[in-house]
Amino acid sequence: MEKSVYSMSLQKLIGSIENRWRLLVDLIVDLRERNIHIPEKFITSVTCCRSLINSFKYSFNKGSYNAQYSTLLSQTIKELLEVESGLIVFVANVVGEDYALEWSKKLNGVPLIQGGVVFE
């Protein structure tokens, strides 16, 4: 059965969100390897984002996406961007601006696209 354009767009968006999340995890791992204490709020937010990603991936794979699904996607993107910006500010203050800029570039290399709107 051929996937619809809408379905393929959602699949691409899910992949972008998941890739952006993985980069945040990589950043946290790198900070831990440098023996930098990461505030618990960032760890909790990243964990919550993973749960949200799993929820909408499950809904997508079951074909049960609807208006609530779109709200969940928007909420996940918002949460992801909030934790990302907070982590970048934290990194700039603790490690340095060059390190923060390096990670900002990596993260911005994975744009979040939804309905023609790009979240970076």
Protein backbone atom coordinates (compact mmCIF):
# COMPACT_ATOMS: atom_id res chain seq x y z
CA MET A 1 0.00 0.00 0.00
CA GLU A 2 1.38 3.39 -1.01
CA LYS A 3 1.87 5.95 1.76
CA SER A 4 0.17 9.31 1.39
CA VAL A 5 2.17 12.52 1.07
CA TYR A 6 0.79 13.56 4.48
CA SER A 7 1.98 10.31 6.00
CA MET A 8 5.45 10.68 4.48
CA SER A 9 5.65 14.29 5.73
CA LEU A 10 4.77 13.17 9.24
CA GLN A 11 7.34 10.41 9.02
CA LYS A 12 10.00 12.95 7.99
CA LEU A 13 8.99 15.26 10.83
CA ILE A 14 9.19 12.43 13.35
CA GLY A 15 12.65 11.56 12.06
CA SER A 16 13.79 15.18 12.41
CA ILE A 17 12.45 15.43 15.94
CA GLU A 18 14.10 12.17 16.91
CA ASN A 19 17.44 13.20 15.36
CA ARG A 20 17.34 16.53 17.18
CA TRP A 21 16.58 14.69 20.43
CA ARG A 22 19.55 12.35 19.86
CA LEU A 23 21.86 15.35 19.45
CA LEU A 24 20.65 16.72 22.80
CA VAL A 25 21.44 13.36 24.38
CA ASP A 26 24.89 13.44 22.75
CA LEU A 27 25.45 16.90 24.23
CA ILE A 28 24.47 15.67 27.69
CA VAL A 29 26.76 12.65 27.36
CA ASP A 30 29.61 14.91 26.28
CA LEU A 31 29.03 17.17 29.28
CA ARG A 32 29.01 14.20 31.63
CA GLU A 33 32.26 12.94 30.12
CA ARG A 34 33.71 16.34 31.00
CA ASN A 35 32.48 15.80 34.59
CA ILE A 36 30.04 18.69 34.33
CA HIS A 37 26.97 18.43 36.54
CA ILE A 38 23.83 18.90 34.46
CA PRO A 39 20.81 20.32 36.28
CA GLU A 40 18.10 17.71 36.75
CA LYS A 41 15.51 19.85 34.95
CA PHE A 42 17.36 19.25 31.66
CA ILE A 43 17.55 15.51 32.19
CA THR A 44 13.86 15.36 33.10
CA SER A 45 12.86 17.43 30.05
CA VAL A 46 14.92 15.30 27.66
CA THR A 47 13.38 12.15 29.18
CA CYS A 48 9.88 13.60 28.80
CA CYS A 49 10.61 14.45 25.16
CA ARG A 50 11.61 10.83 24.55
CA SER A 51 8.30 9.68 26.02
CA LEU A 52 6.38 12.11 23.82
CA ILE A 53 8.32 10.94 20.76
CA ASN A 54 7.53 7.32 21.56
CA SER A 55 3.85 8.16 22.05
CA PHE A 56 3.40 9.84 18.70
CA LYS A 57 5.52 7.23 16.90
CA TYR A 58 3.20 4.58 18.30
CA SER A 59 0.12 6.55 17.24
CA PHE A 60 1.60 7.15 13.79
CA ASN A 61 2.44 3.48 13.26
CA LYS A 62 -1.07 2.48 14.36
CA GLY A 63 -2.58 5.04 11.98
CA SER A 64 -4.44 6.70 14.84
CA TYR A 65 -3.24 10.26 14.35
CA ASN A 66 -5.76 13.10 14.59
CA ALA A 67 -6.01 16.67 15.92
CA GLN A 68 -4.59 15.56 19.28
CA TYR A 69 -1.65 14.07 17.42
CA SER A 70 -0.85 17.46 15.87
CA THR A 71 -1.07 19.08 19.29
CA LEU A 72 1.28 16.44 20.70
CA LEU A 73 3.78 17.05 17.89
CA SER A 74 3.69 20.81 18.46
CA GLN A 75 4.07 20.32 22.21
CA THR A 76 7.06 18.02 21.66
CA ILE A 77 8.76 20.47 19.31
CA LYS A 78 8.18 23.30 21.78
CA GLU A 79 9.56 21.26 24.68
CA LEU A 80 12.55 20.16 22.63
CA LEU A 81 13.39 23.73 21.61
CA GLU A 82 13.00 24.98 25.19
CA VAL A 83 15.35 22.37 26.63
CA GLU A 84 17.76 22.95 23.76
CA SER A 85 17.93 26.70 24.32
CA GLY A 86 18.30 26.21 28.07
CA LEU A 87 21.11 23.71 27.59
CA ILE A 88 22.94 25.98 25.15
CA VAL A 89 22.79 28.89 27.61
CA PHE A 90 23.95 26.55 30.40
CA VAL A 91 26.82 25.28 28.24
CA ALA A 92 27.87 28.81 27.26
CA ASN A 93 28.05 29.81 30.93
CA VAL A 94 29.78 26.65 32.18
CA VAL A 95 32.02 25.49 29.32
CA GLY A 96 32.27 28.51 27.06
CA GLU A 97 30.68 30.26 24.13
CA ASP A 98 32.74 28.46 21.49
CA TYR A 99 31.56 25.07 22.74
CA ALA A 100 27.96 26.34 22.87
CA LEU A 101 28.23 27.68 19.32
CA GLU A 102 29.62 24.35 18.09
CA TRP A 103 26.60 22.51 19.53
CA SER A 104 24.16 25.14 18.27
CA LYS A 105 25.45 24.57 14.75
CA LYS A 106 25.08 20.80 15.12
CA LEU A 107 21.53 21.16 16.40
CA ASN A 108 20.53 23.68 13.74
CA GLY A 109 21.83 21.24 11.14
CA VAL A 110 18.70 19.18 11.87
CA PRO A 111 15.77 21.51 11.16
CA LEU A 112 12.35 20.76 12.55
CA ILE A 113 9.75 21.16 9.84
CA GLN A 114 6.02 21.17 10.43
CA GLY A 115 3.43 22.29 7.92
CA GLY A 116 5.95 24.27 5.92
CA VAL A 117 7.17 26.08 9.05
CA VAL A 118 10.77 25.47 10.00
CA PHE A 119 11.63 25.52 13.72
CA GLU A 120 15.37 26.01 14.32
